[in-house]
């Protein structure tokens, strides 16, 4: 007993306990993350989808992303990004990229919906990742008020409170969200494209994502009931407009006074 008591008082005992605690915590986090990803990867694809998707990938994507999606110096690995990332990037025309730049630009999509589905199926087969969202979360029948609150807390600092988009650093930007489908909005939240952070189910639940989509579609449908929105950029554009318009009125009034005097 005396020897055991002495070992407990060993100077390295606290360090050993700390390391054990860190390993235990890290293990729990890894398990939780794996479970979350596996749960998200529920979209089913047929063997034919995967096979055709592989052919499309080799012909159009492997140059940058490598054989088997392992990545190259020109493009990141796609192992574990999931079907949602492919559906978003390819479905919005961002991929394949037209040219190198700070971020991928939206352009007319180069693949049909069926081809996009096949590509998503192939990439999903490379590793577990976020799946294409279920239709129940895209019905735009959530709580718009709650969605607005969540959007202002989590998204408005980049996308603007009116979802009109905004500039970021080094030529990057947060795009406007008007005209973007609910499916692509959901996929962007779970995959974090470009500079956007990932909002997995632990950050924002699927129901909350549904609420955010409902809010965005509600403000898009309502338009600007107060008149010209001036780009929905807030006090910057409004102040600039008042300054220019006010200055113009003053100049015009000054000209009118001088002409009356003469």
Protein backbone atom coordinates (compact mmCIF):
# COMPACT_ATOMS: atom_id res chain seq x y z
CA UNK A 1 0.00 0.00 0.00
CA UNK A 2 2.84 2.33 0.84
CA UNK A 3 4.45 1.76 -2.58
CA UNK A 4 1.11 2.41 -4.32
CA UNK A 5 0.64 5.62 -2.36
CA UNK A 6 4.09 6.80 -3.36
CA UNK A 7 3.34 6.16 -7.04
CA UNK A 8 0.18 8.21 -6.81
CA UNK A 9 2.29 11.12 -5.57
CA UNK A 10 4.73 10.76 -8.46
CA UNK A 11 5.41 14.13 -10.17
CA UNK A 12 4.31 12.72 -13.54
CA UNK A 13 0.98 11.42 -12.24
CA UNK A 14 -0.81 14.70 -13.05
CA UNK A 15 0.66 14.72 -16.56
CA UNK A 16 -0.44 11.12 -17.12
CA UNK A 17 -3.97 11.90 -15.97
CA UNK A 18 -4.10 14.96 -18.23
CA UNK A 19 -2.97 12.91 -21.25
CA UNK A 20 -5.53 10.22 -20.49
CA UNK A 21 -8.26 12.87 -20.27
CA UNK A 22 -7.23 14.42 -23.60
CA UNK A 23 -7.14 11.03 -25.33
CA UNK A 24 -10.57 10.15 -23.94
CA UNK A 25 -12.06 13.48 -25.01
CA UNK A 26 -10.49 13.26 -28.47
CA UNK A 27 -11.79 9.74 -28.92
CA UNK A 28 -15.33 10.77 -28.03
CA UNK A 29 -15.15 13.70 -30.46
CA UNK A 30 -13.88 11.46 -33.28
CA UNK A 31 -16.68 8.97 -32.68
CA UNK A 32 -19.32 11.73 -32.58
CA UNK A 33 -18.01 13.26 -35.81
CA UNK A 34 -17.98 9.91 -37.57
CA UNK A 35 -21.52 9.16 -36.47
CA UNK A 36 -22.69 12.58 -37.67
CA UNK A 37 -21.13 12.07 -41.11
CA UNK A 38 -22.42 8.53 -41.46
CA UNK A 39 -25.90 9.65 -40.54
CA UNK A 40 -25.75 12.42 -43.16
CA UNK A 41 -24.71 10.01 -45.94
CA UNK A 42 -28.15 8.50 -46.51
CA UNK A 43 -28.71 9.34 -50.19
CA UNK A 44 -28.88 6.09 -52.17
CA UNK A 45 -27.39 5.72 -55.63
CA UNK A 46 -27.61 2.75 -57.93
CA UNK A 47 -24.55 0.87 -59.11
CA UNK A 48 -25.27 2.25 -62.58
CA UNK A 49 -25.22 5.82 -61.23
CA UNK A 50 -21.84 5.25 -59.63
CA UNK A 51 -20.40 3.62 -62.75
CA UNK A 52 -21.61 6.38 -65.08
CA UNK A 53 -20.50 8.99 -62.57
CA UNK A 54 -17.00 7.53 -62.56
CA UNK A 55 -16.83 7.85 -66.36
CA UNK A 56 -17.92 11.49 -66.17
CA UNK A 57 -15.43 12.15 -63.39
CA UNK A 58 -12.50 10.67 -65.28
CA UNK A 59 -13.37 12.66 -68.39
CA UNK A 60 -14.06 16.02 -66.74
CA UNK A 61 -12.73 16.19 -63.17
CA UNK A 62 -9.73 13.88 -62.71
CA UNK A 63 -7.32 16.36 -64.32
CA UNK A 64 -7.59 18.60 -61.26
CA UNK A 65 -8.94 16.29 -58.55
CA UNK A 66 -6.85 13.24 -59.42
CA UNK A 67 -7.67 9.61 -60.08
CA UNK A 68 -10.09 8.37 -57.47
CA UNK A 69 -10.66 11.93 -56.29
CA UNK A 70 -7.45 11.83 -54.27
CA UNK A 71 -6.55 15.43 -55.17
CA UNK A 72 -3.62 17.11 -56.92
CA UNK A 73 -1.79 20.42 -56.72
CA UNK A 74 -4.57 21.88 -58.89
CA UNK A 75 -7.55 20.62 -56.89
CA UNK A 76 -8.39 19.25 -53.44
CA UNK A 77 -9.24 15.67 -52.55
CA UNK A 78 -12.93 14.81 -52.86
CA UNK A 79 -12.82 11.79 -50.57
CA UNK A 80 -15.41 12.36 -47.85
CA UNK A 81 -16.92 15.58 -49.24
CA UNK A 82 -20.19 13.75 -49.92
CA UNK A 83 -22.89 13.98 -52.56
CA UNK A 84 -24.15 17.35 -51.31
CA UNK A 85 -20.89 19.11 -52.19
CA UNK A 86 -20.96 17.77 -55.75
CA UNK A 87 -24.62 18.62 -56.24
CA UNK A 88 -23.98 22.19 -55.05
CA UNK A 89 -20.75 22.86 -56.94
CA UNK A 90 -21.78 21.20 -60.22
CA UNK A 91 -25.47 22.08 -59.99
CA UNK A 92 -24.72 25.81 -59.67
CA UNK A 93 -22.13 25.77 -62.47
CA UNK A 94 -19.23 26.55 -60.16
CA UNK A 95 -17.55 23.33 -61.22
CA UNK A 96 -15.80 22.67 -63.48
CA UNK A 97 -14.11 26.02 -62.93
CA UNK A 98 -13.86 28.25 -65.97
CA UNK A 99 -10.65 29.87 -64.76
CA UNK A 100 -8.46 30.05 -61.70
CA UNK A 101 -9.38 32.81 -59.27
CA UNK A 102 -10.08 33.68 -55.64
CA UNK A 103 -13.24 31.56 -55.75
CA UNK A 104 -15.40 29.62 -58.19
CA UNK A 105 -17.91 31.74 -60.08
CA UNK A 106 -21.53 30.89 -60.77
CA UNK A 107 -22.10 30.20 -64.45
CA UNK A 108 -24.46 28.12 -66.62
CA UNK A 109 -24.12 24.50 -65.52
CA UNK A 110 -22.36 22.13 -67.89
CA UNK A 111 -24.04 18.89 -66.84
CA UNK A 112 -27.65 17.76 -66.88
CA UNK A 113 -29.46 16.93 -63.64
CA UNK A 114 -29.00 13.21 -64.31
CA UNK A 115 -25.27 13.63 -64.93
CA UNK A 116 -24.92 15.73 -61.78
CA UNK A 117 -26.71 12.98 -59.85
CA UNK A 118 -24.33 10.38 -61.27
CA UNK A 119 -21.25 12.45 -60.39
CA UNK A 120 -22.61 12.92 -56.88
CA UNK A 121 -23.14 9.17 -56.59
CA UNK A 122 -19.56 8.43 -57.60
CA UNK A 123 -18.03 10.95 -55.21
CA UNK A 124 -20.31 9.71 -52.42
CA UNK A 125 -18.92 6.21 -53.00
CA UNK A 126 -15.38 7.46 -52.24
CA UNK A 127 -16.17 8.19 -48.59
CA UNK A 128 -18.92 9.14 -46.18
CA UNK A 129 -20.01 12.77 -46.30
CA UNK A 130 -23.08 15.04 -46.27
CA UNK A 131 -25.84 13.77 -48.52
CA UNK A 132 -28.34 15.58 -50.71
CA UNK A 133 -31.02 16.89 -48.29
CA UNK A 134 -34.40 15.24 -47.89
CA UNK A 135 -37.36 16.94 -49.56
CA UNK A 136 -39.08 17.51 -46.19
CA UNK A 137 -36.54 20.21 -45.34
CA UNK A 138 -36.97 22.02 -48.66
CA UNK A 139 -40.74 22.61 -48.62
CA UNK A 140 -40.36 26.27 -47.50
CA UNK A 141 -42.96 25.71 -44.77
CA UNK A 142 -40.75 26.28 -41.75
CA UNK A 143 -40.84 29.14 -39.24
CA UNK A 144 -39.75 32.23 -41.19
CA UNK A 145 -39.43 34.38 -38.04
CA UNK A 146 -37.12 31.89 -36.35
CA UNK A 147 -35.25 31.42 -39.60
CA UNK A 148 -34.70 35.17 -39.83
CA UNK A 149 -33.24 35.22 -36.33
CA UNK A 150 -30.91 32.32 -37.12
CA UNK A 151 -29.86 33.94 -40.39
CA UNK A 152 -29.01 37.27 -38.74
CA UNK A 153 -26.96 35.53 -36.04
CA UNK A 154 -25.06 33.10 -38.27
CA UNK A 155 -25.10 34.42 -41.84
CA UNK A 156 -25.83 38.15 -42.07
CA UNK A 157 -22.27 39.26 -41.28
CA UNK A 158 -21.22 37.94 -44.71
CA UNK A 159 -24.40 37.65 -46.76
CA UNK A 160 -26.00 40.91 -45.53
CA UNK A 161 -29.16 41.03 -43.40
CA UNK A 162 -31.24 41.13 -46.58
CA UNK A 163 -29.23 38.24 -48.14
CA UNK A 164 -27.91 40.65 -50.80
CA UNK A 165 -24.33 39.40 -50.43
CA UNK A 166 -21.18 41.27 -49.51
CA UNK A 167 -17.47 41.68 -50.17
CA UNK A 168 -14.84 39.68 -48.29
CA UNK A 169 -11.05 39.86 -48.43
CA UNK A 170 -8.65 39.30 -51.37
CA UNK A 171 -11.26 39.38 -54.10
CA UNK A 172 -13.61 36.92 -52.41
CA UNK A 173 -17.25 37.58 -51.69
CA UNK A 174 -20.40 36.15 -50.15
CA UNK A 175 -22.95 35.81 -52.98
CA UNK A 176 -26.49 37.12 -52.96
CA UNK A 177 -29.00 34.39 -52.14
CA UNK A 178 -31.95 35.54 -54.24
CA UNK A 179 -32.80 32.99 -56.91
CA UNK A 180 -30.79 30.21 -55.24
CA UNK A 181 -32.77 27.00 -54.77
CA UNK A 182 -33.54 25.76 -51.28
CA UNK A 183 -31.62 22.57 -52.00
CA UNK A 184 -28.45 24.46 -52.88
CA UNK A 185 -28.82 26.71 -49.83
CA UNK A 186 -29.10 23.64 -47.58
CA UNK A 187 -26.12 21.98 -49.29
CA UNK A 188 -24.01 25.11 -48.85
CA UNK A 189 -24.74 25.08 -45.13
CA UNK A 190 -23.65 21.47 -44.64
CA UNK A 191 -20.60 21.56 -46.93
CA UNK A 192 -19.17 25.06 -46.41
CA UNK A 193 -18.11 26.02 -49.97
CA UNK A 194 -15.48 28.69 -50.60
CA UNK A 195 -15.01 30.73 -47.39
CA UNK A 196 -18.29 29.66 -45.82
CA UNK A 197 -18.09 27.75 -42.52
CA UNK A 198 -19.73 24.34 -42.21
CA UNK A 199 -23.02 24.31 -40.31
CA UNK A 200 -23.52 20.63 -39.54
CA UNK A 201 -26.49 19.23 -37.62
CA UNK A 202 -24.74 19.96 -34.32
CA UNK A 203 -24.53 23.69 -35.18
CA UNK A 204 -27.86 24.18 -36.95
CA UNK A 205 -30.37 21.33 -36.92
CA UNK A 206 -32.09 20.22 -40.16
CA UNK A 207 -35.31 21.85 -38.92
CA UNK A 208 -33.49 25.11 -38.29
CA UNK A 209 -32.00 24.94 -41.79
CA UNK A 210 -35.55 24.52 -43.07
CA UNK A 211 -36.51 27.67 -41.13
CA UNK A 212 -33.63 29.63 -42.67
CA UNK A 213 -34.61 28.55 -46.18
CA UNK A 214 -38.21 29.55 -45.46
CA UNK A 215 -37.05 32.99 -44.30
CA UNK A 216 -34.90 33.53 -47.40
CA UNK A 217 -37.69 32.51 -49.74
CA UNK A 218 -40.15 34.72 -47.84
CA UNK A 219 -38.07 37.89 -48.17
CA UNK A 220 -37.34 37.03 -51.79
CA UNK A 221 -41.06 36.72 -52.55
CA UNK A 222 -41.95 39.93 -50.69
CA UNK A 223 -39.46 42.07 -52.59
CA UNK A 224 -38.96 45.62 -51.34
CA UNK A 225 -42.33 47.00 -50.18
CA UNK A 226 -40.72 50.30 -49.16
CA UNK A 227 -39.60 51.20 -52.68
CA UNK A 228 -36.15 51.11 -54.28
CA UNK A 229 -33.88 48.93 -52.13
CA UNK A 230 -30.64 50.47 -53.52
CA UNK A 231 -29.01 47.08 -53.58
CA UNK A 232 -30.11 46.27 -50.00
CA UNK A 233 -26.69 47.43 -48.81
CA UNK A 234 -28.06 49.40 -45.90
CA UNK A 235 -26.82 52.82 -44.73
CA UNK A 236 -23.83 52.86 -47.12
CA UNK A 237 -25.82 52.97 -50.34
CA UNK A 238 -28.63 55.00 -48.74
CA UNK A 239 -26.21 57.60 -47.40
CA UNK A 240 -24.40 57.80 -50.73
CA UNK A 241 -27.69 58.29 -52.55
CA UNK A 242 -28.78 61.07 -50.17
CA UNK A 243 -25.39 62.74 -50.43
CA UNK A 244 -25.36 62.74 -54.23
CA UNK A 245 -29.03 63.66 -54.56
CA UNK A 246 -28.80 66.34 -51.87
CA UNK A 247 -25.65 67.80 -53.37
CA UNK A 248 -27.31 67.83 -56.79
CA UNK A 249 -30.32 69.70 -55.41
CA UNK A 250 -28.07 72.28 -53.73
CA UNK A 251 -26.07 72.85 -56.93
CA UNK A 252 -29.23 73.14 -59.00
CA UNK A 253 -30.72 75.60 -56.49
CA UNK A 254 -27.51 77.66 -56.50
CA UNK A 255 -27.53 77.84 -60.30
CA UNK A 256 -31.17 78.88 -60.24
CA UNK A 257 -30.46 81.68 -57.71
CA UNK A 258 -27.54 83.06 -59.67
CA UNK A 259 -29.54 83.03 -62.88
CA UNK A 260 -32.36 84.93 -61.18
CA UNK A 261 -29.95 87.59 -59.87
CA UNK A 262 -28.49 88.25 -63.30
